[in-house]
Amino acid sequence: MSTPLHSHHIARQIADAACKRICRQTIRACQKMQPMLSGDDTPLANAWDDICVQEREADRVVIWEDTYEATLLAIIEGEIAELDKPTWWAIWYQTDEGFDWDEKDGKPPKGVFNEDLARYILNQYVLPAAENYSNARIRKYLDQPKD
């Protein structure tokens, strides 16, 4: 029989599995959308390609927050709304607020929202996935001479 895991380790494993699933679902949703920032003559086939380029170039256009960030957060929040409560809390415990919360005081945390979890998943899972993702279209776009 193996050694029992600490509750924080169990919560981390549950949260990580759920966050990875939400990340994959977010990517699939973006792959079904048209690119919004790359122009009409782009080799990019979908919004996910465009997001990956934006992350790789690390020079997001000004309207990033109004387009992709808002879209990504909405998709992620939709997925979070479907989570069972134990999984929701397991993810929250991974956020900075959850990590710092002292459960010994016996008071439940206040002001916890799906957006907090969505921003955590966006920054810890989705954007790193975008930065590391590539395909022929993305490479072609990145290899084009810039004006």
N, C-alpha and C. Protein backbone atom coordinates (compact mmCIF):
# COMPACT_ATOMS: atom_id res chain seq x y z
N MET A 1 0.85 -1.19 0.00
CA MET A 1 0.00 0.00 0.00
C MET A 1 0.89 1.25 0.00
N SER A 2 0.49 2.21 -0.77
CA SER A 2 1.29 3.42 -0.87
C SER A 2 1.00 4.37 0.30
N THR A 3 1.88 5.34 0.46
CA THR A 3 1.75 6.34 1.51
C THR A 3 0.59 7.28 1.14
N PRO A 4 -0.27 7.62 2.09
CA PRO A 4 -1.37 8.53 1.78
C PRO A 4 -0.84 9.92 1.41
N LEU A 5 -1.56 10.56 0.52
CA LEU A 5 -1.18 11.89 0.07
C LEU A 5 -1.78 12.94 1.00
N HIS A 6 -1.08 14.04 1.15
CA HIS A 6 -1.57 15.17 1.93
C HIS A 6 -2.74 15.80 1.17
N SER A 7 -3.69 16.37 1.88
CA SER A 7 -4.88 16.95 1.25
C SER A 7 -4.53 18.04 0.23
N HIS A 8 -3.47 18.80 0.47
CA HIS A 8 -3.08 19.85 -0.48
C HIS A 8 -2.58 19.23 -1.79
N HIS A 9 -1.90 18.09 -1.69
CA HIS A 9 -1.41 17.41 -2.88
C HIS A 9 -2.59 16.84 -3.68
N ILE A 10 -3.57 16.30 -2.98
CA ILE A 10 -4.76 15.77 -3.66
C ILE A 10 -5.50 16.90 -4.36
N ALA A 11 -5.69 18.02 -3.66
CA ALA A 11 -6.37 19.17 -4.27
C ALA A 11 -5.61 19.65 -5.49
N ARG A 12 -4.29 19.68 -5.41
CA ARG A 12 -3.46 20.13 -6.54
C ARG A 12 -3.65 19.21 -7.74
N GLN A 13 -3.70 17.90 -7.51
CA GLN A 13 -3.88 16.96 -8.62
C GLN A 13 -5.25 17.10 -9.26
N ILE A 14 -6.28 17.26 -8.43
CA ILE A 14 -7.64 17.45 -8.95
C ILE A 14 -7.72 18.75 -9.75
N ALA A 15 -7.16 19.82 -9.20
CA ALA A 15 -7.18 21.12 -9.87
C ALA A 15 -6.40 21.07 -11.18
N ASP A 16 -5.24 20.47 -11.17
CA ASP A 16 -4.41 20.40 -12.37
C ASP A 16 -5.12 19.65 -13.49
N ALA A 17 -5.74 18.53 -13.16
CA ALA A 17 -6.47 17.77 -14.17
C ALA A 17 -7.63 18.59 -14.74
N ALA A 18 -8.37 19.26 -13.89
CA ALA A 18 -9.50 20.08 -14.35
C ALA A 18 -9.02 21.27 -15.18
N CYS A 19 -7.95 21.93 -14.75
CA CYS A 19 -7.42 23.08 -15.49
C CYS A 19 -6.90 22.66 -16.86
N LYS A 20 -6.25 21.52 -16.94
CA LYS A 20 -5.77 21.03 -18.24
C LYS A 20 -6.94 20.71 -19.16
N ARG A 21 -8.01 20.14 -18.61
CA ARG A 21 -9.20 19.84 -19.42
C ARG A 21 -9.83 21.14 -19.92
N ILE A 22 -9.96 22.12 -19.04
CA ILE A 22 -10.53 23.42 -19.43
C ILE A 22 -9.65 24.08 -20.48
N CYS A 23 -8.34 23.98 -20.33
CA CYS A 23 -7.42 24.54 -21.32
C CYS A 23 -7.65 23.90 -22.69
N ARG A 24 -7.75 22.57 -22.74
CA ARG A 24 -7.99 21.88 -24.01
C ARG A 24 -9.32 22.31 -24.63
N GLN A 25 -10.35 22.44 -23.81
CA GLN A 25 -11.66 22.86 -24.31
C GLN A 25 -11.62 24.29 -24.82
N THR A 26 -10.86 25.13 -24.16
CA THR A 26 -10.70 26.52 -24.60
C THR A 26 -9.99 26.58 -25.94
N ILE A 27 -8.94 25.79 -26.09
CA ILE A 27 -8.22 25.74 -27.36
C ILE A 27 -9.16 25.28 -28.47
N ARG A 28 -9.92 24.21 -28.24
CA ARG A 28 -10.84 23.72 -29.27
C ARG A 28 -11.87 24.78 -29.65
N ALA A 29 -12.38 25.50 -28.67
CA ALA A 29 -13.36 26.56 -28.97
C ALA A 29 -12.74 27.65 -29.84
N CYS A 30 -11.50 28.03 -29.53
CA CYS A 30 -10.81 29.07 -30.30
C CYS A 30 -10.46 28.59 -31.71
N GLN A 31 -10.23 27.30 -31.85
CA GLN A 31 -9.91 26.76 -33.18
C GLN A 31 -11.13 26.77 -34.09
N LYS A 32 -12.30 26.98 -33.54
CA LYS A 32 -13.54 27.05 -34.34
C LYS A 32 -13.89 28.49 -34.71
N MET A 33 -13.09 29.47 -34.24
CA MET A 33 -13.37 30.89 -34.49
C MET A 33 -12.42 31.45 -35.54
N GLN A 34 -12.87 32.45 -36.23
CA GLN A 34 -12.03 33.14 -37.20
C GLN A 34 -11.00 34.01 -36.48
N PRO A 35 -9.79 34.16 -37.06
CA PRO A 35 -8.80 35.07 -36.44
C PRO A 35 -9.32 36.50 -36.50
N MET A 36 -9.06 37.26 -35.44
CA MET A 36 -9.60 38.62 -35.35
C MET A 36 -8.55 39.71 -35.50
N LEU A 37 -7.28 39.41 -35.27
CA LEU A 37 -6.28 40.47 -35.22
C LEU A 37 -5.22 40.40 -36.32
N SER A 38 -5.20 39.36 -37.10
CA SER A 38 -4.07 39.15 -38.00
C SER A 38 -4.26 39.68 -39.42
N GLY A 39 -5.41 40.19 -39.78
CA GLY A 39 -5.60 40.77 -41.10
C GLY A 39 -6.23 39.80 -42.09
N ASP A 40 -6.62 40.34 -43.24
CA ASP A 40 -7.35 39.55 -44.24
C ASP A 40 -6.47 38.55 -44.99
N ASP A 41 -5.21 38.88 -45.20
CA ASP A 41 -4.34 38.02 -46.00
C ASP A 41 -3.49 37.10 -45.13
N THR A 42 -3.96 36.77 -43.98
CA THR A 42 -3.20 35.97 -43.02
C THR A 42 -3.17 34.49 -43.40
N PRO A 43 -2.07 33.81 -43.12
CA PRO A 43 -2.06 32.36 -43.28
C PRO A 43 -2.69 31.65 -42.08
N LEU A 44 -3.03 32.41 -41.05
CA LEU A 44 -3.59 31.81 -39.83
C LEU A 44 -5.04 31.39 -40.08
N ALA A 45 -5.37 30.19 -39.65
CA ALA A 45 -6.67 29.61 -39.97
C ALA A 45 -7.75 29.92 -38.93
N ASN A 46 -7.34 30.23 -37.71
CA ASN A 46 -8.35 30.39 -36.66
C ASN A 46 -7.82 31.29 -35.54
N ALA A 47 -8.71 31.56 -34.60
CA ALA A 47 -8.36 32.45 -33.49
C ALA A 47 -7.24 31.86 -32.63
N TRP A 48 -7.18 30.53 -32.47
CA TRP A 48 -6.11 29.95 -31.66
C TRP A 48 -4.76 30.22 -32.29
N ASP A 49 -4.65 30.07 -33.61
CA ASP A 49 -3.39 30.41 -34.29
C ASP A 49 -3.01 31.85 -33.99
N ASP A 50 -3.99 32.74 -34.07
CA ASP A 50 -3.74 34.17 -33.85
C ASP A 50 -3.30 34.43 -32.40
N ILE A 51 -3.94 33.78 -31.45
CA ILE A 51 -3.57 33.92 -30.04
C ILE A 51 -2.13 33.44 -29.83
N CYS A 52 -1.78 32.33 -30.46
CA CYS A 52 -0.42 31.79 -30.34
C CYS A 52 0.61 32.78 -30.88
N VAL A 53 0.30 33.41 -32.01
CA VAL A 53 1.20 34.41 -32.58
C VAL A 53 1.34 35.59 -31.63
N GLN A 54 0.22 36.05 -31.09
CA GLN A 54 0.26 37.19 -30.16
C GLN A 54 1.13 36.87 -28.95
N GLU A 55 1.02 35.66 -28.43
CA GLU A 55 1.84 35.26 -27.27
C GLU A 55 3.30 35.13 -27.65
N ARG A 56 3.58 34.58 -28.81
CA ARG A 56 4.98 34.40 -29.25
C ARG A 56 5.66 35.73 -29.49
N GLU A 57 4.94 36.65 -30.09
CA GLU A 57 5.54 37.95 -30.39
C GLU A 57 5.65 38.81 -29.15
N ALA A 58 4.92 38.46 -28.11
CA ALA A 58 4.94 39.21 -26.84
C ALA A 58 4.76 40.70 -27.06
N ASP A 59 4.00 41.01 -28.07
CA ASP A 59 3.73 42.41 -28.42
C ASP A 59 2.26 42.50 -28.81
N ARG A 60 1.41 42.26 -27.84
CA ARG A 60 -0.02 42.22 -28.11
C ARG A 60 -0.50 43.57 -28.62
N VAL A 61 -1.39 43.51 -29.58
CA VAL A 61 -1.98 44.74 -30.07
C VAL A 61 -2.88 45.33 -28.99
N VAL A 62 -3.16 46.58 -29.12
CA VAL A 62 -3.90 47.32 -28.10
C VAL A 62 -5.27 46.69 -27.83
N ILE A 63 -5.91 46.17 -28.85
CA ILE A 63 -7.27 45.65 -28.64
C ILE A 63 -7.30 44.20 -28.14
N TRP A 64 -6.14 43.67 -27.72
CA TRP A 64 -6.07 42.30 -27.20
C TRP A 64 -7.10 42.06 -26.10
N GLU A 65 -7.16 42.97 -25.12
CA GLU A 65 -8.06 42.79 -23.98
C GLU A 65 -9.52 42.75 -24.41
N ASP A 66 -9.88 43.57 -25.40
CA ASP A 66 -11.27 43.62 -25.85
C ASP A 66 -11.63 42.46 -26.77
N THR A 67 -10.64 41.80 -27.32
CA THR A 67 -10.94 40.70 -28.24
C THR A 67 -10.62 39.37 -27.59
N TYR A 68 -9.37 38.99 -27.65
CA TYR A 68 -9.02 37.65 -27.21
C TYR A 68 -9.08 37.45 -25.71
N GLU A 69 -8.59 38.39 -24.94
CA GLU A 69 -8.62 38.17 -23.49
C GLU A 69 -10.05 38.02 -23.01
N ALA A 70 -10.94 38.89 -23.46
CA ALA A 70 -12.35 38.81 -23.07
C ALA A 70 -12.97 37.50 -23.55
N THR A 71 -12.64 37.10 -24.76
CA THR A 71 -13.17 35.85 -25.32
C THR A 71 -12.67 34.65 -24.53
N LEU A 72 -11.36 34.60 -24.27
CA LEU A 72 -10.78 33.49 -23.52
C LEU A 72 -11.39 33.40 -22.12
N LEU A 73 -11.51 34.52 -21.44
CA LEU A 73 -12.08 34.51 -20.10
C LEU A 73 -13.53 34.04 -20.12
N ALA A 74 -14.29 34.46 -21.13
CA ALA A 74 -15.69 34.02 -21.22
C ALA A 74 -15.79 32.51 -21.44
N ILE A 75 -14.94 31.99 -22.30
CA ILE A 75 -14.95 30.54 -22.55
C ILE A 75 -14.58 29.80 -21.27
N ILE A 76 -13.52 30.24 -20.62
CA ILE A 76 -13.06 29.58 -19.40
C ILE A 76 -14.11 29.68 -18.29
N GLU A 77 -14.71 30.85 -18.13
CA GLU A 77 -15.74 31.01 -17.11
C GLU A 77 -16.93 30.09 -17.38
N GLY A 78 -17.27 29.90 -18.64
CA GLY A 78 -18.34 28.97 -18.99
C GLY A 78 -18.01 27.55 -18.56
N GLU A 79 -16.77 27.16 -18.73
CA GLU A 79 -16.33 25.83 -18.30
C GLU A 79 -16.31 25.73 -16.78
N ILE A 80 -15.88 26.77 -16.12
CA ILE A 80 -15.83 26.78 -14.66
C ILE A 80 -17.23 26.63 -14.07
N ALA A 81 -18.21 27.25 -14.71
CA ALA A 81 -19.59 27.18 -14.21
C ALA A 81 -20.11 25.75 -14.20
N GLU A 82 -19.51 24.88 -14.98
CA GLU A 82 -19.94 23.48 -15.05
C GLU A 82 -19.25 22.58 -14.02
N LEU A 83 -18.28 23.11 -13.30
CA LEU A 83 -17.52 22.30 -12.35
C LEU A 83 -18.34 21.96 -11.11
N ASP A 84 -18.05 20.80 -10.54
CA ASP A 84 -18.64 20.49 -9.24
C ASP A 84 -17.90 21.33 -8.19
N LYS A 85 -18.52 21.51 -7.03
CA LYS A 85 -17.95 22.39 -6.01
C LYS A 85 -16.57 21.93 -5.51
N PRO A 86 -16.36 20.63 -5.26
CA PRO A 86 -15.01 20.24 -4.80
C PRO A 86 -13.91 20.58 -5.81
N THR A 87 -14.19 20.39 -7.09
CA THR A 87 -13.19 20.72 -8.11
C THR A 87 -13.00 22.23 -8.19
N TRP A 88 -14.10 22.98 -8.11
CA TRP A 88 -14.03 24.45 -8.12
C TRP A 88 -13.13 24.93 -7.00
N TRP A 89 -13.35 24.40 -5.78
CA TRP A 89 -12.53 24.83 -4.64
C TRP A 89 -11.10 24.35 -4.77
N ALA A 90 -10.89 23.17 -5.33
CA ALA A 90 -9.52 22.68 -5.53
C ALA A 90 -8.74 23.63 -6.43
N ILE A 91 -9.40 24.16 -7.46
CA ILE A 91 -8.73 25.14 -8.34
C ILE A 91 -8.49 26.43 -7.58
N TRP A 92 -9.50 26.89 -6.84
CA TRP A 92 -9.33 28.14 -6.11
C TRP A 92 -8.15 28.06 -5.14
N TYR A 93 -7.94 26.93 -4.50
CA TYR A 93 -6.82 26.78 -3.57
C TYR A 93 -5.47 26.95 -4.27
N GLN A 94 -5.44 26.83 -5.59
CA GLN A 94 -4.18 26.99 -6.33
C GLN A 94 -3.90 28.45 -6.67
N THR A 95 -4.92 29.31 -6.59
CA THR A 95 -4.72 30.73 -6.88
C THR A 95 -3.93 31.37 -5.75
N ASP A 96 -3.40 32.56 -6.00
CA ASP A 96 -2.67 33.27 -4.95
C ASP A 96 -3.54 33.48 -3.71
N GLU A 97 -4.79 33.86 -3.95
CA GLU A 97 -5.70 34.10 -2.83
C GLU A 97 -5.96 32.81 -2.06
N GLY A 98 -6.16 31.72 -2.78
CA GLY A 98 -6.41 30.44 -2.14
C GLY A 98 -5.20 29.93 -1.38
N PHE A 99 -4.04 30.14 -1.95
CA PHE A 99 -2.80 29.70 -1.31
C PHE A 99 -2.56 30.46 -0.01
N ASP A 100 -2.89 31.75 -0.02
CA ASP A 100 -2.64 32.60 1.14
C ASP A 100 -3.73 32.50 2.22
N TRP A 101 -4.90 31.94 1.84
CA TRP A 101 -6.01 31.89 2.79
C TRP A 101 -5.69 30.94 3.94
N ASP A 102 -5.94 31.40 5.14
CA ASP A 102 -5.68 30.59 6.32
C ASP A 102 -6.99 29.96 6.77
N GLU A 103 -7.18 28.70 6.44
CA GLU A 103 -8.44 28.03 6.79
C GLU A 103 -8.59 27.81 8.29
N LYS A 104 -7.53 28.03 9.05
CA LYS A 104 -7.61 27.84 10.50
C LYS A 104 -8.47 28.90 11.17
N ASP A 105 -8.67 30.05 10.50
CA ASP A 105 -9.49 31.08 11.13
C ASP A 105 -10.98 30.72 11.07
N GLY A 106 -11.33 29.68 10.32
CA GLY A 106 -12.69 29.17 10.31
C GLY A 106 -13.67 29.96 9.47
N LYS A 107 -13.24 31.07 8.92
CA LYS A 107 -14.14 31.90 8.12
C LYS A 107 -13.95 31.55 6.64
N PRO A 108 -15.06 31.39 5.92
CA PRO A 108 -14.91 31.13 4.49
C PRO A 108 -14.38 32.38 3.79
N PRO A 109 -13.63 32.20 2.74
CA PRO A 109 -13.12 33.36 2.01
C PRO A 109 -14.26 34.16 1.41
N LYS A 110 -14.07 35.47 1.33
CA LYS A 110 -15.11 36.34 0.77
C LYS A 110 -14.66 36.85 -0.59
N GLY A 111 -15.63 37.12 -1.43
CA GLY A 111 -15.33 37.72 -2.73
C GLY A 111 -14.63 36.79 -3.69
N VAL A 112 -14.99 35.51 -3.66
CA VAL A 112 -14.40 34.55 -4.59
C VAL A 112 -15.34 34.42 -5.78
N PHE A 113 -14.82 34.64 -6.97
CA PHE A 113 -15.65 34.63 -8.17
C PHE A 113 -15.05 33.73 -9.23
N ASN A 114 -15.90 33.31 -10.17
CA ASN A 114 -15.42 32.50 -11.28
C ASN A 114 -14.33 33.22 -12.06
N GLU A 115 -14.39 34.55 -12.12
CA GLU A 115 -13.37 35.30 -12.86
C GLU A 115 -11.98 35.12 -12.25
N ASP A 116 -11.91 34.99 -10.93
CA ASP A 116 -10.61 34.75 -10.28
C ASP A 116 -10.01 33.44 -10.76
N LEU A 117 -10.84 32.41 -10.83
CA LEU A 117 -10.37 31.11 -11.30
C LEU A 117 -10.03 31.17 -12.78
N ALA A 118 -10.86 31.90 -13.54
CA ALA A 118 -10.63 32.02 -14.99
C ALA A 118 -9.30 32.70 -15.27
N ARG A 119 -8.99 33.74 -14.54
CA ARG A 119 -7.70 34.43 -14.74
C ARG A 119 -6.53 33.51 -14.37
N TYR A 120 -6.69 32.72 -13.33
CA TYR A 120 -5.66 31.76 -12.95
C TYR A 120 -5.44 30.75 -14.09
N ILE A 121 -6.51 30.17 -14.60
CA ILE A 121 -6.40 29.18 -15.68
C ILE A 121 -5.83 29.83 -16.94
N LEU A 122 -6.27 31.04 -17.25
CA LEU A 122 -5.74 31.75 -18.42
C LEU A 122 -4.24 31.94 -18.30
N ASN A 123 -3.79 32.44 -17.17
CA ASN A 123 -2.36 32.77 -17.01
C ASN A 123 -1.47 31.56 -16.76
N GLN A 124 -1.99 30.54 -16.11
CA GLN A 124 -1.16 29.39 -15.76
C GLN A 124 -1.23 28.23 -16.77
N TYR A 125 -2.29 28.20 -17.58
CA TYR A 125 -2.48 27.07 -18.49
C TYR A 125 -2.65 27.50 -19.95
N VAL A 126 -3.61 28.38 -20.23
CA VAL A 126 -3.94 28.69 -21.61
C VAL A 126 -2.85 29.51 -22.29
N LEU A 127 -2.40 30.59 -21.69
CA LEU A 127 -1.37 31.42 -22.34
C LEU A 127 -0.04 30.68 -22.47
N PRO A 128 0.40 29.91 -21.47
CA PRO A 128 1.61 29.11 -21.69
C PRO A 128 1.43 28.07 -22.81
N ALA A 129 0.23 27.50 -22.92
CA ALA A 129 -0.03 26.57 -24.02
C ALA A 129 0.08 27.29 -25.36
N ALA A 130 -0.43 28.52 -25.42
CA ALA A 130 -0.36 29.29 -26.66
C ALA A 130 1.09 29.62 -27.02
N GLU A 131 1.87 29.95 -26.04
CA GLU A 131 3.27 30.29 -26.29
C GLU A 131 4.07 29.09 -26.81
N ASN A 132 3.69 27.91 -26.39
CA ASN A 132 4.42 26.70 -26.77
C ASN A 132 3.84 25.97 -27.97
N TYR A 133 2.68 26.38 -28.44
CA TYR A 133 2.01 25.70 -29.55
C TYR A 133 2.52 26.24 -30.88
N SER A 134 2.64 25.37 -31.85
CA SER A 134 3.07 25.81 -33.18
C SER A 134 2.49 24.88 -34.23
N ASN A 135 2.40 25.39 -35.42
CA ASN A 135 2.04 24.60 -36.59
C ASN A 135 2.60 25.33 -37.81
N ALA A 136 2.40 24.79 -38.98
CA ALA A 136 2.97 25.37 -40.20
C ALA A 136 2.44 26.78 -40.45
N ARG A 137 1.16 27.02 -40.17
CA ARG A 137 0.58 28.35 -40.39
C ARG A 137 1.23 29.40 -39.48
N ILE A 138 1.41 29.04 -38.23
CA ILE A 138 2.02 29.97 -37.27
C ILE A 138 3.46 30.26 -37.67
N ARG A 139 4.20 29.21 -38.02
CA ARG A 139 5.59 29.42 -38.44
C ARG A 139 5.66 30.29 -39.69
N LYS A 140 4.76 30.08 -40.64
CA LYS A 140 4.73 30.89 -41.86
C LYS A 140 4.45 32.35 -41.51
N TYR A 141 3.50 32.58 -40.63
CA TYR A 141 3.17 33.95 -40.23
C TYR A 141 4.35 34.62 -39.53
N LEU A 142 4.97 33.90 -38.62
CA LEU A 142 6.09 34.47 -37.87
C LEU A 142 7.32 34.69 -38.74
N ASP A 143 7.46 33.92 -39.81
CA ASP A 143 8.61 34.07 -40.71
C ASP A 143 8.44 35.17 -41.73
N GLN A 144 7.23 35.74 -41.86
CA GLN A 144 6.99 36.82 -42.81
C GLN A 144 7.76 38.06 -42.37
N PRO A 145 8.30 38.80 -43.35
CA PRO A 145 8.96 40.07 -43.00
C PRO A 145 7.94 41.05 -42.41
N LYS A 146 8.31 41.73 -41.38
CA LYS A 146 7.45 42.73 -40.74
C LYS A 146 7.72 44.10 -41.37
N ASP A 147 6.65 44.85 -41.55
CA ASP A 147 6.79 46.18 -42.17
C ASP A 147 7.49 47.15 -41.25
